[in-house]
N, C-alpha and C. Protein backbone atom coordinates (compact mmCIF):
# COMPACT_ATOMS: atom_id res chain seq x y z
N MET A 1 0.84 -1.12 -0.01
CA MET A 1 0.03 0.01 -0.02
C MET A 1 0.88 1.22 -0.06
N GLU A 2 0.47 2.24 -0.72
CA GLU A 2 1.26 3.46 -0.95
C GLU A 2 1.12 4.35 0.32
N SER A 3 2.24 4.89 0.77
CA SER A 3 2.21 5.82 1.93
C SER A 3 1.63 7.03 1.45
N THR A 4 0.98 7.75 2.51
CA THR A 4 0.40 9.12 2.36
C THR A 4 1.39 10.08 1.72
N ASN A 5 2.62 9.94 2.28
CA ASN A 5 3.71 10.91 1.94
C ASN A 5 3.94 10.74 0.51
N ASN A 6 4.18 9.58 0.07
CA ASN A 6 4.43 9.24 -1.35
C ASN A 6 3.39 9.78 -2.25
N GLY A 7 2.08 9.54 -1.83
CA GLY A 7 0.93 9.93 -2.60
C GLY A 7 0.94 11.41 -2.77
N SER A 8 1.37 12.18 -1.71
CA SER A 8 1.42 13.60 -1.74
C SER A 8 2.50 14.15 -2.72
N GLU A 9 3.64 13.27 -2.74
CA GLU A 9 4.64 13.71 -3.61
C GLU A 9 4.32 13.52 -5.04
N VAL A 10 3.63 12.46 -5.36
CA VAL A 10 3.09 12.22 -6.64
C VAL A 10 2.03 13.23 -7.07
N CYS A 11 1.22 13.65 -6.14
CA CYS A 11 0.20 14.65 -6.51
C CYS A 11 0.90 16.05 -6.71
N ALA A 12 1.82 16.42 -5.84
CA ALA A 12 2.62 17.57 -5.93
C ALA A 12 3.33 17.69 -7.27
N ARG A 13 3.85 16.54 -7.65
CA ARG A 13 4.71 16.52 -8.95
C ARG A 13 3.68 16.74 -10.07
N GLN A 14 2.51 16.03 -10.12
CA GLN A 14 1.60 16.26 -11.16
C GLN A 14 1.12 17.57 -11.21
N LEU A 15 0.84 18.24 -10.04
CA LEU A 15 0.51 19.70 -9.98
C LEU A 15 1.43 20.56 -10.63
N LEU A 16 2.83 20.28 -10.28
CA LEU A 16 3.97 21.11 -10.87
C LEU A 16 3.93 20.92 -12.45
N ILE A 17 3.84 19.64 -12.81
CA ILE A 17 3.78 19.46 -14.26
C ILE A 17 2.54 20.21 -14.96
N ASP A 18 1.35 20.03 -14.48
CA ASP A 18 0.08 20.82 -15.02
C ASP A 18 0.40 22.33 -14.93
N THR A 19 0.98 22.85 -13.89
CA THR A 19 1.13 24.23 -13.76
C THR A 19 2.27 24.69 -14.80
N SER A 20 3.18 23.89 -14.96
CA SER A 20 4.38 24.20 -15.87
C SER A 20 3.85 24.15 -17.36
N VAL A 21 2.98 23.30 -17.65
CA VAL A 21 2.43 23.28 -19.03
C VAL A 21 1.58 24.52 -19.28
N GLU A 22 0.78 24.86 -18.27
CA GLU A 22 -0.10 25.99 -18.47
C GLU A 22 0.77 27.20 -18.44
N SER A 23 1.74 27.35 -17.68
CA SER A 23 2.74 28.44 -17.63
C SER A 23 3.37 28.61 -18.98
N TRP A 24 3.70 27.49 -19.60
CA TRP A 24 4.42 27.47 -20.98
C TRP A 24 3.44 28.06 -21.95
N ARG A 25 2.23 27.58 -21.94
CA ARG A 25 1.23 28.07 -22.91
C ARG A 25 1.06 29.72 -22.73
N PHE A 26 0.89 29.99 -21.42
CA PHE A 26 0.70 31.51 -21.18
C PHE A 26 1.91 32.30 -21.71
N ALA A 27 3.12 31.72 -21.55
CA ALA A 27 4.32 32.45 -21.92
C ALA A 27 4.39 32.61 -23.47
N LYS A 28 3.91 31.53 -24.16
CA LYS A 28 3.82 31.58 -25.71
C LYS A 28 2.97 32.72 -26.08
N LEU A 29 1.74 32.77 -25.45
CA LEU A 29 0.72 33.85 -25.64
C LEU A 29 1.32 35.16 -25.38
N PHE A 30 1.93 35.34 -24.22
CA PHE A 30 2.58 36.60 -23.77
C PHE A 30 3.54 37.12 -24.76
N ALA A 31 4.45 36.18 -25.43
CA ALA A 31 5.46 36.46 -26.32
C ALA A 31 4.77 37.05 -27.52
N ARG A 32 3.59 36.55 -28.00
CA ARG A 32 3.03 37.08 -29.16
C ARG A 32 2.45 38.42 -28.89
N VAL A 33 1.92 38.72 -27.69
CA VAL A 33 1.48 40.00 -27.34
C VAL A 33 2.55 41.11 -27.36
N LEU A 34 3.84 40.55 -26.89
CA LEU A 34 5.01 41.46 -26.91
C LEU A 34 5.21 42.01 -28.23
N ASN A 35 5.03 41.20 -29.26
CA ASN A 35 5.34 41.69 -30.67
C ASN A 35 4.45 42.82 -31.11
N LYS A 36 3.32 43.14 -30.40
CA LYS A 36 2.41 44.18 -30.70
C LYS A 36 2.58 45.36 -29.90
N LEU A 37 3.65 45.53 -29.00
CA LEU A 37 3.95 46.55 -28.16
C LEU A 37 5.02 47.45 -28.79
N ASP A 38 5.00 48.71 -28.25
CA ASP A 38 6.07 49.70 -28.73
C ASP A 38 7.37 49.11 -28.36
N ALA A 39 8.44 49.47 -29.04
CA ALA A 39 9.84 49.07 -28.91
C ALA A 39 10.21 49.31 -27.46
N GLY A 40 9.82 50.50 -26.90
CA GLY A 40 10.33 50.95 -25.67
C GLY A 40 9.72 50.00 -24.49
N GLU A 41 8.59 49.54 -24.68
CA GLU A 41 7.99 48.63 -23.57
C GLU A 41 8.52 47.21 -23.69
N VAL A 42 8.78 46.79 -24.98
CA VAL A 42 9.04 45.39 -25.22
C VAL A 42 10.09 44.92 -24.35
N GLN A 43 11.25 45.64 -24.12
CA GLN A 43 12.39 45.04 -23.41
C GLN A 43 12.07 44.68 -21.97
N ARG A 44 11.33 45.66 -21.39
CA ARG A 44 11.09 45.40 -19.89
C ARG A 44 10.26 44.21 -19.65
N TYR A 45 9.18 44.02 -20.67
CA TYR A 45 8.26 42.90 -20.48
C TYR A 45 8.96 41.58 -20.85
N ALA A 46 9.88 41.65 -21.94
CA ALA A 46 10.57 40.43 -22.36
C ALA A 46 11.43 40.00 -21.26
N ASN A 47 12.18 40.91 -20.59
CA ASN A 47 12.94 40.52 -19.38
C ASN A 47 12.15 39.85 -18.26
N GLN A 48 10.88 40.39 -18.08
CA GLN A 48 10.06 39.75 -17.02
C GLN A 48 9.65 38.32 -17.43
N LEU A 49 9.42 38.18 -18.66
CA LEU A 49 8.97 36.80 -19.30
C LEU A 49 10.18 35.88 -19.12
N ARG A 50 11.39 36.31 -19.53
CA ARG A 50 12.59 35.46 -19.34
C ARG A 50 12.74 35.00 -17.99
N TYR A 51 12.58 36.00 -17.07
CA TYR A 51 12.75 35.64 -15.53
C TYR A 51 11.64 34.52 -15.27
N PHE A 52 10.42 34.84 -15.66
CA PHE A 52 9.31 33.91 -15.32
C PHE A 52 9.64 32.52 -15.77
N LEU A 53 10.12 32.44 -17.07
CA LEU A 53 10.38 31.15 -17.58
C LEU A 53 11.62 30.49 -16.95
N SER A 54 12.54 31.24 -16.42
CA SER A 54 13.75 30.72 -15.79
C SER A 54 13.30 30.16 -14.40
N ARG A 55 12.30 30.80 -13.82
CA ARG A 55 11.94 30.29 -12.50
C ARG A 55 11.05 28.92 -12.75
N VAL A 56 10.22 28.86 -13.78
CA VAL A 56 9.50 27.64 -14.11
C VAL A 56 10.52 26.60 -14.31
N ASP A 57 11.63 26.83 -15.18
CA ASP A 57 12.66 25.89 -15.42
C ASP A 57 13.33 25.34 -14.15
N ASP A 58 13.65 26.34 -13.22
CA ASP A 58 14.34 26.04 -11.95
C ASP A 58 13.46 25.12 -11.10
N ASN A 59 12.22 25.35 -11.03
CA ASN A 59 11.19 24.55 -10.32
C ASN A 59 11.09 23.12 -10.89
N LEU A 60 11.01 23.01 -12.22
CA LEU A 60 11.09 21.78 -12.82
C LEU A 60 12.37 21.01 -12.54
N GLU A 61 13.55 21.71 -12.74
CA GLU A 61 14.77 21.02 -12.52
C GLU A 61 14.92 20.50 -11.07
N ALA A 62 14.38 21.20 -10.10
CA ALA A 62 14.51 20.80 -8.73
C ALA A 62 13.68 19.48 -8.56
N ALA A 63 12.62 19.27 -9.48
CA ALA A 63 11.80 18.03 -9.35
C ALA A 63 12.41 17.01 -10.48
N ASN A 64 13.57 17.24 -10.90
CA ASN A 64 14.26 16.40 -12.04
C ASN A 64 13.32 16.18 -13.27
N LEU A 65 12.71 17.34 -13.75
CA LEU A 65 11.89 17.38 -14.90
C LEU A 65 12.39 18.57 -15.74
N ARG A 66 12.08 18.53 -17.06
CA ARG A 66 12.35 19.53 -17.98
C ARG A 66 11.47 19.57 -19.10
N LEU A 67 11.09 20.76 -19.61
CA LEU A 67 10.30 20.94 -20.75
C LEU A 67 11.06 20.81 -21.99
N VAL A 68 10.57 20.12 -22.99
CA VAL A 68 11.21 20.06 -24.27
C VAL A 68 10.36 20.70 -25.43
N ASN A 69 11.06 21.71 -26.11
CA ASN A 69 10.37 22.35 -27.16
C ASN A 69 11.06 21.92 -28.48
N LEU A 70 10.40 21.50 -29.48
CA LEU A 70 10.96 20.96 -30.74
C LEU A 70 10.64 21.82 -31.89
N GLU A 71 10.13 23.15 -31.70
CA GLU A 71 9.86 23.92 -32.78
C GLU A 71 10.99 24.27 -33.77
N GLY A 72 10.72 24.13 -35.04
CA GLY A 72 11.77 24.35 -36.01
C GLY A 72 12.62 23.15 -36.36
N LEU A 73 12.41 21.98 -35.59
CA LEU A 73 13.29 20.83 -35.85
C LEU A 73 12.42 19.87 -36.88
N PRO A 74 13.25 19.03 -37.61
CA PRO A 74 12.47 18.19 -38.54
C PRO A 74 11.58 17.14 -37.74
N TYR A 75 10.52 16.91 -38.32
CA TYR A 75 9.47 15.88 -37.76
C TYR A 75 9.82 14.57 -37.94
N ASP A 76 9.68 13.76 -36.89
CA ASP A 76 9.97 12.31 -37.04
C ASP A 76 8.83 11.77 -36.41
N PRO A 77 8.07 10.75 -37.12
CA PRO A 77 6.83 10.15 -36.45
C PRO A 77 7.21 9.51 -35.06
N GLY A 78 8.53 9.28 -34.68
CA GLY A 78 8.67 8.52 -33.37
C GLY A 78 8.81 9.55 -32.25
N ILE A 79 8.70 10.79 -32.54
CA ILE A 79 8.94 11.78 -31.38
C ILE A 79 7.70 11.61 -30.41
N ALA A 80 8.06 12.10 -29.23
CA ALA A 80 7.05 11.98 -28.04
C ALA A 80 6.09 13.03 -28.16
N ALA A 81 5.42 13.21 -29.41
CA ALA A 81 4.30 14.22 -29.50
C ALA A 81 3.45 13.83 -30.54
N SER A 82 2.25 14.11 -30.50
CA SER A 82 1.21 13.82 -31.59
C SER A 82 1.09 15.17 -32.38
N ALA A 83 1.07 14.92 -33.65
CA ALA A 83 0.97 15.89 -34.61
C ALA A 83 -0.66 16.11 -35.10
N LEU A 84 -1.19 17.27 -34.74
CA LEU A 84 -2.60 17.52 -34.97
C LEU A 84 -3.03 17.60 -36.37
N ASN A 85 -2.07 18.04 -37.21
CA ASN A 85 -2.40 18.13 -38.64
C ASN A 85 -1.65 17.18 -39.53
N ILE A 86 -1.17 16.02 -39.09
CA ILE A 86 -0.47 15.06 -39.82
C ILE A 86 -1.27 14.63 -41.11
N ALA A 87 -2.55 14.56 -41.02
CA ALA A 87 -3.43 14.11 -42.14
C ALA A 87 -3.39 15.01 -43.35
N ASP A 88 -2.90 16.29 -43.15
CA ASP A 88 -2.72 17.26 -44.13
C ASP A 88 -1.60 17.00 -45.04
N PHE A 89 -0.76 16.08 -44.81
CA PHE A 89 0.41 15.94 -45.63
C PHE A 89 0.54 14.50 -46.21
N LYS A 90 1.36 14.37 -47.20
CA LYS A 90 1.73 13.14 -47.86
C LYS A 90 2.84 12.60 -47.11
N PRO A 91 3.04 11.03 -47.17
CA PRO A 91 4.09 10.41 -46.63
C PRO A 91 5.39 10.97 -47.15
N GLU A 92 5.54 11.36 -48.32
CA GLU A 92 6.88 11.87 -48.95
C GLU A 92 7.27 13.34 -48.57
N ASP A 93 6.31 14.01 -47.93
CA ASP A 93 6.60 15.36 -47.62
C ASP A 93 7.67 15.44 -46.58
N HIS A 94 8.53 16.32 -46.65
CA HIS A 94 9.48 16.68 -45.63
C HIS A 94 9.01 17.71 -44.78
N LEU A 95 8.75 17.30 -43.44
CA LEU A 95 8.09 18.21 -42.42
C LEU A 95 8.93 18.71 -41.39
N ILE A 96 8.57 19.88 -40.78
CA ILE A 96 9.25 20.27 -39.69
C ILE A 96 8.07 20.67 -38.73
N ILE A 97 8.59 20.79 -37.48
CA ILE A 97 7.56 21.15 -36.42
C ILE A 97 7.44 22.66 -36.37
N ASP A 98 6.36 23.06 -36.78
CA ASP A 98 6.01 24.61 -36.91
C ASP A 98 5.74 25.20 -35.48
N GLN A 99 5.02 24.51 -34.76
CA GLN A 99 4.43 24.99 -33.47
C GLN A 99 4.23 23.92 -32.43
N MET A 100 4.70 24.11 -31.29
CA MET A 100 4.36 23.15 -30.12
C MET A 100 3.18 23.75 -29.43
N MET A 101 2.20 22.99 -29.40
CA MET A 101 0.93 23.25 -28.75
C MET A 101 0.95 22.97 -27.32
N GLU A 102 1.70 21.81 -26.97
CA GLU A 102 2.03 21.55 -25.60
C GLU A 102 3.40 21.00 -25.61
N PRO A 103 4.19 21.39 -24.66
CA PRO A 103 5.62 20.78 -24.60
C PRO A 103 5.65 19.37 -24.19
N ILE A 104 6.76 18.70 -24.40
CA ILE A 104 7.21 17.34 -24.03
C ILE A 104 7.69 17.62 -22.62
N ILE A 105 7.38 16.75 -21.75
CA ILE A 105 8.01 16.88 -20.33
C ILE A 105 8.85 15.53 -20.14
N MET A 106 10.12 15.64 -19.83
CA MET A 106 11.02 14.55 -19.57
C MET A 106 11.45 14.68 -18.12
N GLY A 107 11.62 13.45 -17.54
CA GLY A 107 12.13 13.28 -16.23
C GLY A 107 13.27 12.39 -16.26
N ALA A 108 13.91 12.24 -15.11
CA ALA A 108 15.05 11.34 -14.99
C ALA A 108 14.81 10.00 -15.43
N GLU A 109 13.49 9.53 -15.37
CA GLU A 109 13.15 8.24 -15.78
C GLU A 109 12.72 8.12 -17.26
N GLY A 110 12.71 9.27 -17.86
CA GLY A 110 12.38 9.23 -19.35
C GLY A 110 11.03 10.11 -19.48
N LEU A 111 10.40 9.75 -20.51
CA LEU A 111 9.13 10.54 -20.80
C LEU A 111 8.12 10.51 -19.76
N VAL A 112 7.70 11.82 -19.42
CA VAL A 112 6.69 11.92 -18.42
C VAL A 112 5.39 12.33 -19.03
N LYS A 113 5.41 13.26 -19.97
CA LYS A 113 4.16 13.62 -20.64
C LYS A 113 4.60 14.01 -22.14
N SER A 114 3.81 13.35 -23.01
CA SER A 114 4.06 13.65 -24.47
C SER A 114 3.40 15.04 -24.80
N GLY A 115 3.95 15.55 -25.90
CA GLY A 115 3.54 16.97 -26.38
C GLY A 115 2.48 16.80 -27.50
N THR A 116 2.24 17.94 -28.01
CA THR A 116 1.39 18.13 -29.17
C THR A 116 1.87 19.14 -30.13
N VAL A 117 1.88 18.91 -31.36
CA VAL A 117 2.58 19.71 -32.30
C VAL A 117 1.68 20.04 -33.58
N MET A 118 2.03 21.11 -34.29
CA MET A 118 1.59 21.37 -35.60
C MET A 118 2.80 21.39 -36.51
N LEU A 119 2.62 20.92 -37.73
CA LEU A 119 3.58 20.65 -38.69
C LEU A 119 3.36 21.60 -39.81
N LYS A 120 4.54 21.76 -40.66
CA LYS A 120 4.45 22.42 -42.00
C LYS A 120 5.59 21.85 -42.83
N LYS A 121 5.35 21.91 -44.13
CA LYS A 121 6.39 21.39 -44.98
C LYS A 121 7.55 22.33 -45.04
N VAL A 122 8.61 21.68 -45.09
CA VAL A 122 10.04 22.44 -45.16
C VAL A 122 9.83 23.52 -46.17
N GLY A 123 10.09 24.72 -45.92
CA GLY A 123 10.16 25.90 -46.84
C GLY A 123 8.68 26.52 -46.90
N GLN A 124 7.75 25.95 -46.35
CA GLN A 124 6.36 26.45 -46.49
C GLN A 124 6.26 27.64 -45.36
N LYS A 125 5.57 28.73 -45.88
CA LYS A 125 5.37 29.88 -44.92
C LYS A 125 3.89 29.74 -44.52
N LEU A 126 3.67 30.04 -43.13
CA LEU A 126 2.39 30.05 -42.64
C LEU A 126 1.99 31.26 -42.07
């Protein structure tokens, strides 16, 4: 039977994972908003975003976890992420990961949570 303390650790780890994924999504949205600001304001907010993301990474590292972002890398069907738009392409198409919708989370023991991606053809502009 699992001890209460171990159950609490598992629950806390899952909460950290869930919060980190949502933080990652929010950071991606916030980065898009930064592109719409005046140049004078962007630097201050960009620095705050970098600090926020470094804190998320530090907390994940303390739990032996890390976020993996594969944007811009060649797509391989064996990656730990499901492609939402894979049906839009032919098997011979050369694909890259255009956008991570959810990051991959890795731990000391290997894959903790698979990610979700959107693909595009190499050279295709979206």
